[in-house]
Amino acid sequence: MRLLHTSDWHLGRSFHRVNMLDAQAAFIAHLVATVREHDVDAVVVAGDVYDRAVPPLAAVELFDDALHRLADLGVPTVMISGNHDSARRLGVGAGLIDRAGIHLRTDPAACAEPVILADAHGDVAFYGLPYLEPALVKDEFAVDKAGHEAVIGAAMDRVRADLATRARGTRSVVLAHAFVTGGQASDSERDITVGGVAAVPSAVFDGVDYAALGHLHGSQTLGARVRYSGSPLPYSFSEADHRKSMWLVDLGPEGEVDAERLDCPVPRPLARLKGTLDSLLDDPDLARHEEAWVEATLTDAVRPDDPMARLCERFPHTLSLVFDPDRAPDDPDLSYAQRLQGRSDQQIAVDFVTHVRGAGPDEHEREVLRSAFDAVRTDDTLREVAR
């Protein structure tokens, strides 16, 4: 059976100030074309269909369009809810949608009730483990400690118990949305702590033929049978080195796994540039990034004038500007309170400008500060007289 494994669509999410809805629509079109081109037998979507519990209307319309297009292909689709989705909202109408071959699995209590699909070699059981918030599901799974490993382990125990009742040779696929130990996080995952008590070992998925994971936005292989597809689009500059893709998985007659990465269309490449403003504007080697979405980190000792406007002249799609000046740090042994002792409000303001910009205010700026503080003092005096 040939599967297409994807996740983390985050419909409705923006990339910095860029609306990604057109790019998300392009991905859906690419997904449908891939299913048709590669004769896919089933699509699995491992959570975070939406970016928020109450998605914008345009995102809901895009999801509705995706469901119709997948149903029209006649290719079954199995989806679970992620930590960004509202399981109840996403699961509305799941029973009716089932009849169209779109199987939404959003109820933790039903994690051991598989979708059964068949090919020439027999049945394949698809088990959907929606995002399991430990505090909310610990009673359902009768665990003593409300932790991610405990509740996912209990859910997988149910899966293995159900699988043991199936006909000999039944193959199995689990969809799960979690942070699995060994996975590499990026800046754009939210709400599941990456590491510590929130992490679960990949061994928790032992006993099934393939674990299709969602949550982490980088495509990753944690074992021959355990993979993250990653998000189809970038949602932070920490993903600049990601290759956005889906997994095309061939599940053999004995449960053997053969997986191939298929690239997704990305609207623009990402570039993280660092240096002085002049070096970024003048370096000919950076010409290849002129049409990219750019995060620029400026190392100028003194903050330059109008840096964003000047950067956008060469890199018109600059979205993020960070300052990391190359200058000696303040004495770490001197506390902030100590540095302020004996200094007037105006002197503190001058120091603040110097700290932020790397150079003190000029005479005109000092006069503006003097006028501002004089006005404040006058207001304070008038209030005291009024009392």
Protein backbone atom coordinates (compact mmCIF):
# COMPACT_ATOMS: atom_id res chain seq x y z
CA MET A 1 0.00 0.00 0.00
CA ARG A 2 1.35 3.43 -0.96
CA LEU A 3 0.90 6.20 1.60
CA LEU A 4 1.51 9.94 1.42
CA HIS A 5 2.52 11.25 4.86
CA THR A 6 2.14 14.96 5.58
CA SER A 7 1.39 17.15 8.62
CA ASP A 8 1.48 20.62 10.13
CA TRP A 9 -0.35 22.52 7.41
CA HIS A 10 -1.12 25.36 9.88
CA LEU A 11 -3.80 26.79 7.61
CA GLY A 12 -4.32 30.45 8.46
CA ARG A 13 -0.80 31.10 9.71
CA SER A 14 1.37 33.96 8.46
CA PHE A 15 5.13 34.10 8.06
CA HIS A 16 6.11 37.26 9.91
CA ARG A 17 3.88 39.80 8.17
CA VAL A 18 3.36 37.76 4.98
CA ASN A 19 -0.05 36.15 4.48
CA MET A 20 0.64 32.52 3.54
CA LEU A 21 -2.85 31.58 2.37
CA ASP A 22 -1.90 31.60 -1.34
CA ALA A 23 1.15 29.45 -0.60
CA GLN A 24 -1.00 27.07 1.43
CA ALA A 25 -3.49 26.83 -1.43
CA ALA A 26 -0.59 26.06 -3.78
CA PHE A 27 0.50 23.28 -1.43
CA ILE A 28 -2.99 21.75 -1.40
CA ALA A 29 -2.98 21.76 -5.22
CA HIS A 30 0.47 20.14 -5.15
CA LEU A 31 -0.77 17.51 -2.68
CA VAL A 32 -3.68 16.58 -4.90
CA ALA A 33 -1.43 16.43 -7.97
CA THR A 34 1.06 14.23 -6.09
CA VAL A 35 -1.66 11.80 -5.05
CA ARG A 36 -2.74 11.48 -8.67
CA GLU A 37 0.77 11.33 -10.16
CA HIS A 38 2.14 8.70 -7.78
CA ASP A 39 -0.97 6.51 -7.54
CA VAL A 40 -1.22 7.03 -3.80
CA ASP A 41 -3.54 4.62 -1.98
CA ALA A 42 -4.04 6.67 1.22
CA VAL A 43 -3.13 10.10 2.57
CA VAL A 44 -2.22 10.55 6.25
CA VAL A 45 -2.19 13.99 7.90
CA ALA A 46 -0.57 13.92 11.34
CA GLY A 47 -2.14 16.96 12.99
CA ASP A 48 -2.08 20.76 13.09
CA VAL A 49 -4.36 21.16 10.11
CA TYR A 50 -5.11 24.67 11.37
CA ASP A 51 -2.86 27.14 13.15
CA ARG A 52 -5.34 28.01 15.88
CA ALA A 53 -8.39 26.61 17.61
CA VAL A 54 -10.69 29.16 15.95
CA PRO A 55 -9.21 29.56 12.46
CA PRO A 56 -10.05 32.45 10.13
CA LEU A 57 -12.82 31.88 7.61
CA ALA A 58 -10.42 31.83 4.66
CA ALA A 59 -8.49 28.95 6.28
CA VAL A 60 -11.72 27.01 6.87
CA GLU A 61 -12.70 27.52 3.23
CA LEU A 62 -9.30 26.23 2.09
CA PHE A 63 -9.63 23.14 4.29
CA ASP A 64 -13.12 22.54 2.91
CA ASP A 65 -11.72 22.78 -0.62
CA ALA A 66 -8.96 20.32 0.29
CA LEU A 67 -11.49 17.81 1.64
CA HIS A 68 -13.60 18.01 -1.51
CA ARG A 69 -10.60 17.60 -3.80
CA LEU A 70 -9.27 14.61 -1.86
CA ALA A 71 -12.72 13.01 -1.78
CA ASP A 72 -13.10 13.53 -5.53
CA LEU A 73 -9.91 11.52 -6.07
CA GLY A 74 -11.48 8.54 -4.33
CA VAL A 75 -8.31 8.13 -2.25
CA PRO A 76 -8.95 7.61 1.50
CA THR A 77 -7.50 10.24 3.83
CA VAL A 78 -6.85 9.79 7.57
CA MET A 79 -6.35 12.93 9.69
CA ILE A 80 -5.79 13.62 13.37
CA SER A 81 -6.01 16.84 15.34
CA GLY A 82 -2.82 18.49 16.62
CA ASN A 83 -2.14 20.79 19.53
CA HIS A 84 -3.06 23.84 17.44
CA ASP A 85 -6.39 22.42 16.35
CA SER A 86 -9.61 22.39 18.31
CA ALA A 87 -10.33 18.67 18.33
CA ARG A 88 -14.06 19.25 18.83
CA ARG A 89 -14.34 21.76 15.98
CA LEU A 90 -12.17 19.77 13.58
CA GLY A 91 -14.13 16.61 14.36
CA VAL A 92 -17.59 18.08 13.68
CA GLY A 93 -19.34 15.96 11.07
CA ALA A 94 -16.65 13.26 11.20
CA GLY A 95 -19.23 10.49 10.96
CA LEU A 96 -20.73 11.92 7.78
CA ILE A 97 -17.36 12.79 6.26
CA ASP A 98 -16.27 9.18 6.83
CA ARG A 99 -18.65 8.16 4.06
CA ALA A 100 -16.67 10.27 1.60
CA GLY A 101 -13.43 8.50 2.54
CA ILE A 102 -12.13 11.33 4.80
CA HIS A 103 -11.49 9.87 8.24
CA LEU A 104 -11.08 12.48 11.00
CA ARG A 105 -9.73 11.06 14.25
CA THR A 106 -10.00 13.67 17.02
CA ASP A 107 -11.36 11.69 20.01
CA PRO A 108 -8.68 10.25 22.33
CA ALA A 109 -11.11 7.59 23.56
CA ALA A 110 -11.35 6.17 20.02
CA CYS A 111 -7.61 5.81 19.45
CA ALA A 112 -7.90 1.99 19.27
CA GLU A 113 -10.71 2.07 16.70
CA PRO A 114 -8.81 1.91 13.42
CA VAL A 115 -9.70 2.85 9.90
CA ILE A 116 -9.36 -0.42 7.98
CA LEU A 117 -8.16 -0.15 4.38
CA ALA A 118 -7.21 -3.06 2.16
CA ASP A 119 -4.92 -3.78 -0.76
CA ALA A 120 -4.00 -6.94 -2.66
CA HIS A 121 -2.03 -8.22 0.36
CA GLY A 122 -4.74 -7.77 2.99
CA ASP A 123 -5.83 -5.23 5.58
CA VAL A 124 -3.97 -2.18 6.87
CA ALA A 125 -5.22 -0.72 10.19
CA PHE A 126 -4.76 3.03 10.59
CA TYR A 127 -4.86 4.20 14.22
CA GLY A 128 -5.24 7.92 14.91
CA LEU A 129 -3.76 9.31 18.13
CA PRO A 130 -4.85 12.96 18.22
CA TYR A 131 -2.80 15.33 20.34
CA LEU A 132 -3.10 14.04 23.90
CA GLU A 133 -2.95 16.81 26.52
CA PRO A 134 -1.93 14.84 29.62
CA ALA A 135 -3.98 16.82 32.13
CA LEU A 136 -7.14 16.33 30.06
CA VAL A 137 -6.81 12.65 29.16
CA LYS A 138 -5.07 11.07 32.15
CA ASP A 139 -8.40 9.80 33.54
CA GLU A 140 -9.41 8.38 30.16
CA PHE A 141 -6.18 6.36 30.04
CA ALA A 142 -6.09 5.65 33.80
CA VAL A 143 -2.50 6.82 34.29
CA ASP A 144 -1.18 7.86 37.68
CA LYS A 145 1.04 10.66 36.36
CA ALA A 146 -0.19 13.25 33.88
CA GLY A 147 2.77 13.13 31.50
CA HIS A 148 3.12 12.86 27.71
CA GLU A 149 5.01 9.58 27.84
CA ALA A 150 2.43 8.03 30.17
CA VAL A 151 -0.65 8.94 28.12
CA ILE A 152 0.88 8.13 24.73
CA GLY A 153 2.21 4.87 26.14
CA ALA A 154 -1.26 3.99 27.43
CA ALA A 155 -2.82 4.88 24.07
CA MET A 156 -0.30 2.69 22.26
CA ASP A 157 -1.05 -0.17 24.65
CA ARG A 158 -4.66 0.04 23.47
CA VAL A 159 -3.51 0.10 19.85
CA ARG A 160 -1.36 -3.01 20.29
CA ALA A 161 -4.17 -4.78 22.14
CA ASP A 162 -6.60 -4.09 19.31
CA LEU A 163 -4.05 -5.08 16.69
CA ALA A 164 -3.58 -8.41 18.45
CA THR A 165 -7.25 -9.21 17.80
CA ARG A 166 -6.94 -8.58 14.05
CA ALA A 167 -6.36 -11.25 11.41
CA ARG A 168 -2.83 -12.56 11.15
CA GLY A 169 -0.77 -10.42 8.77
CA THR A 170 -2.76 -7.23 9.33
CA ARG A 171 -0.36 -4.34 8.83
CA SER A 172 -0.57 -1.17 10.95
CA VAL A 173 0.01 2.57 10.71
CA VAL A 174 -0.20 4.99 13.65
CA LEU A 175 -0.66 8.74 13.29
CA ALA A 176 0.55 10.74 16.32
CA HIS A 177 1.21 14.37 17.18
CA ALA A 178 3.98 14.67 19.77
CA PHE A 179 7.59 15.57 20.46
CA VAL A 180 9.58 12.36 20.19
CA THR A 181 13.06 12.10 21.68
CA GLY A 182 15.73 12.64 19.05
CA GLY A 183 13.65 15.02 16.94
CA GLN A 184 15.11 18.44 16.09
CA ALA A 185 12.85 21.39 16.91
CA SER A 186 12.60 24.81 15.26
CA ASP A 187 11.35 28.19 16.48
CA SER A 188 7.90 27.79 14.96
CA GLU A 189 6.54 24.92 17.06
CA ARG A 190 4.47 26.11 20.00
CA ASP A 191 2.62 24.72 22.99
CA ILE A 192 4.42 21.38 23.34
CA THR A 193 7.63 21.73 25.33
CA VAL A 194 10.46 20.32 23.24
CA GLY A 195 12.45 18.23 25.68
CA GLY A 196 12.18 17.11 29.29
CA VAL A 197 8.92 15.61 30.51
CA ALA A 198 7.11 16.45 27.24
CA ALA A 199 9.36 14.18 25.17
CA VAL A 200 8.44 10.56 24.50
CA PRO A 201 10.84 7.83 23.34
CA SER A 202 10.41 6.49 19.83
CA ALA A 203 10.20 2.98 21.33
CA VAL A 204 6.67 3.84 22.47
CA PHE A 205 5.62 3.11 18.87
CA ASP A 206 7.11 -0.40 18.80
CA GLY A 207 4.80 -3.03 17.41
CA VAL A 208 3.38 -1.08 14.48
CA ASP A 209 4.71 -1.03 10.93
CA TYR A 210 4.83 2.73 10.46
CA ALA A 211 4.46 5.76 12.78
CA ALA A 212 3.51 8.93 10.90
CA LEU A 213 4.40 11.81 13.20
CA GLY A 214 3.44 15.46 13.29
CA HIS A 215 4.44 18.51 15.38
CA LEU A 216 8.10 19.12 14.51
CA HIS A 217 8.45 21.21 11.36
CA GLY A 218 11.57 19.59 9.95
CA SER A 219 11.32 16.35 7.98
CA GLN A 220 13.12 13.72 10.07
CA THR A 221 13.74 10.00 10.27
CA LEU A 222 13.91 8.69 13.84
CA GLY A 223 14.00 5.07 12.71
CA ALA A 224 13.09 2.96 9.72
CA ARG A 225 9.46 2.99 10.87
CA VAL A 226 9.19 6.35 12.67
CA ARG A 227 9.22 9.63 10.73
CA TYR A 228 8.19 13.27 10.86
CA SER A 229 7.02 14.69 7.56
CA GLY A 230 7.58 18.26 8.76
CA SER A 231 5.53 21.27 7.71
CA PRO A 232 5.08 21.80 3.97
CA LEU A 233 5.92 25.51 4.33
CA PRO A 234 8.37 27.45 6.50
CA TYR A 235 6.96 29.34 9.47
CA SER A 236 10.18 30.71 11.04
CA PHE A 237 13.67 31.67 9.89
CA SER A 238 15.04 28.78 11.95
CA GLU A 239 13.73 26.64 9.08
CA ALA A 240 16.02 28.30 6.53
CA ASP A 241 17.95 25.06 6.02
CA HIS A 242 14.88 22.81 5.90
CA ARG A 243 13.94 20.90 2.80
CA LYS A 244 10.15 21.04 2.83
CA SER A 245 8.72 17.73 1.73
CA MET A 246 6.29 14.85 2.25
CA TRP A 247 7.03 11.16 2.67
CA LEU A 248 5.90 8.73 -0.02
CA VAL A 249 5.80 5.43 1.88
CA ASP A 250 5.40 2.01 0.33
CA LEU A 251 4.17 -0.48 2.91
CA GLY A 252 5.04 -3.97 1.69
CA PRO A 253 3.04 -7.20 2.11
CA GLU A 254 5.03 -8.13 5.24
CA GLY A 255 5.01 -4.60 6.67
CA GLU A 256 8.37 -3.62 5.19
CA VAL A 257 8.81 0.14 4.70
CA ASP A 258 10.32 1.94 1.73
CA ALA A 259 10.14 5.76 1.98
CA GLU A 260 10.98 8.55 -0.46
CA ARG A 261 10.94 12.31 0.16
CA LEU A 262 8.93 14.40 -2.28
CA ASP A 263 9.63 18.14 -2.30
CA CYS A 264 6.91 20.69 -1.68
CA PRO A 265 6.67 24.01 -3.53
CA VAL A 266 8.02 26.89 -1.41
CA PRO A 267 7.06 30.44 -2.46
CA ARG A 268 10.50 31.92 -1.64
CA PRO A 269 13.75 30.64 -0.19
CA LEU A 270 14.79 31.87 3.26
CA ALA A 271 18.08 33.62 3.99
CA ARG A 272 19.67 34.54 7.33
CA LEU A 273 22.29 37.22 6.72
CA LYS A 274 24.69 38.69 9.28
CA GLY A 275 27.20 41.54 9.07
CA THR A 276 27.45 45.30 9.05
CA LEU A 277 24.85 47.12 7.02
CA ASP A 278 27.43 48.27 4.46
CA SER A 279 28.76 44.73 4.02
CA LEU A 280 25.28 43.34 3.42
CA LEU A 281 24.53 46.04 0.88
CA ASP A 282 27.84 45.73 -0.97
CA ASP A 283 28.77 42.03 -0.90
CA PRO A 284 28.33 40.62 -4.44
CA ASP A 285 28.12 37.06 -3.09
CA LEU A 286 24.76 37.92 -1.52
CA ALA A 287 23.11 38.60 -4.88
CA ARG A 288 21.57 35.12 -4.81
CA HIS A 289 19.47 36.17 -1.79
CA GLU A 290 17.95 39.28 -3.33
CA GLU A 291 14.60 37.58 -3.99
CA ALA A 292 14.55 35.60 -0.75
CA TRP A 293 12.72 36.30 2.46
CA VAL A 294 15.53 37.74 4.57
CA GLU A 295 16.35 37.93 8.25
CA ALA A 296 19.22 40.39 8.64
CA THR A 297 21.37 40.59 11.77
CA LEU A 298 23.36 43.82 11.85
CA THR A 299 26.67 43.86 13.70
CA ASP A 300 27.37 47.60 13.37
CA ALA A 301 28.80 49.02 16.60
CA VAL A 302 26.56 52.07 16.08
CA ARG A 303 23.01 51.49 14.90
CA PRO A 304 22.80 52.92 11.37
CA ASP A 305 20.10 55.26 10.14
CA ASP A 306 17.05 53.75 8.41
CA PRO A 307 18.51 50.23 8.26
CA MET A 308 15.30 48.50 7.17
CA ALA A 309 14.61 50.92 4.33
CA ARG A 310 18.19 50.65 3.09
CA LEU A 311 18.17 46.85 3.29
CA CYS A 312 14.90 46.68 1.37
CA GLU A 313 16.48 48.57 -1.51
CA ARG A 314 18.64 45.51 -2.17
CA PHE A 315 16.60 42.81 -0.44
CA PRO A 316 12.99 43.88 -0.99
CA HIS A 317 11.60 40.92 0.94
CA THR A 318 13.43 41.60 4.20
CA LEU A 319 11.06 40.60 6.99
CA SER A 320 13.14 40.60 10.16
CA LEU A 321 15.86 42.92 11.44
CA VAL A 322 18.02 41.96 14.43
CA PHE A 323 20.79 44.01 16.06
CA ASP A 324 23.83 42.24 17.49
CA PRO A 325 26.54 44.94 17.67
CA ASP A 326 30.21 44.02 17.81
CA ARG A 327 31.20 46.00 20.89
CA ALA A 328 32.47 45.26 24.37
CA PRO A 329 29.68 44.43 26.83
CA ASP A 330 29.12 46.46 29.98
CA ASP A 331 30.91 45.41 33.16
CA PRO A 332 28.99 42.28 34.27
CA ASP A 333 29.89 42.91 37.91
CA LEU A 334 28.16 46.28 37.97
CA SER A 335 24.42 46.03 38.68
CA TYR A 336 21.84 48.10 36.85
CA ALA A 337 20.88 49.90 40.10
CA GLN A 338 24.52 50.79 40.74
CA ARG A 339 24.92 52.23 37.28
CA LEU A 340 21.95 54.55 37.88
CA GLN A 341 23.05 55.89 41.25
CA GLY A 342 23.47 59.68 41.27
CA ARG A 343 22.29 60.14 37.70
CA SER A 344 19.46 62.41 36.62
CA ASP A 345 16.51 61.28 34.51
CA GLN A 346 18.01 63.06 31.50
CA GLN A 347 21.40 61.39 31.97
CA ILE A 348 19.67 57.99 32.20
CA ALA A 349 17.83 58.73 28.94
CA VAL A 350 21.12 59.70 27.26
CA ASP A 351 22.70 56.45 28.47
CA PHE A 352 19.73 54.48 27.13
CA VAL A 353 20.08 56.03 23.67
CA THR A 354 23.81 55.28 23.75
CA HIS A 355 23.19 51.65 24.76
CA VAL A 356 20.58 51.00 22.10
CA ARG A 357 22.23 52.84 19.24
CA GLY A 358 25.89 52.43 20.08
CA ALA A 359 26.55 56.20 20.15
CA GLY A 360 25.17 59.05 22.23
CA PRO A 361 22.62 61.61 21.02
CA ASP A 362 23.82 64.62 19.06
CA GLU A 363 23.20 68.19 20.26
CA HIS A 364 19.79 68.45 18.58
CA GLU A 365 18.65 65.19 20.15
CA ARG A 366 19.95 66.29 23.56
CA GLU A 367 17.88 69.46 23.25
CA VAL A 368 14.78 67.37 22.45
CA LEU A 369 15.40 65.29 25.56
CA ARG A 370 15.90 68.42 27.68
CA SER A 371 12.65 69.90 26.42
CA ALA A 372 10.77 66.68 27.11
CA PHE A 373 11.99 66.36 30.67
CA ASP A 374 11.36 70.07 31.31
CA ALA A 375 7.76 69.60 30.13
CA VAL A 376 7.32 66.61 32.46
CA ARG A 377 8.68 68.58 35.42
CA THR A 378 6.32 71.49 34.61
CA ASP A 379 3.31 69.14 34.52
CA ASP A 380 4.32 67.62 37.84
CA THR A 381 4.61 71.08 39.42
CA LEU A 382 1.18 72.13 38.17
CA ARG A 383 -0.41 68.94 39.56
CA GLU A 384 1.17 69.60 42.97
CA VAL A 385 -0.21 73.17 42.98
CA ALA A 386 -3.67 71.92 42.04
CA ARG A 387 -3.71 69.61 45.07
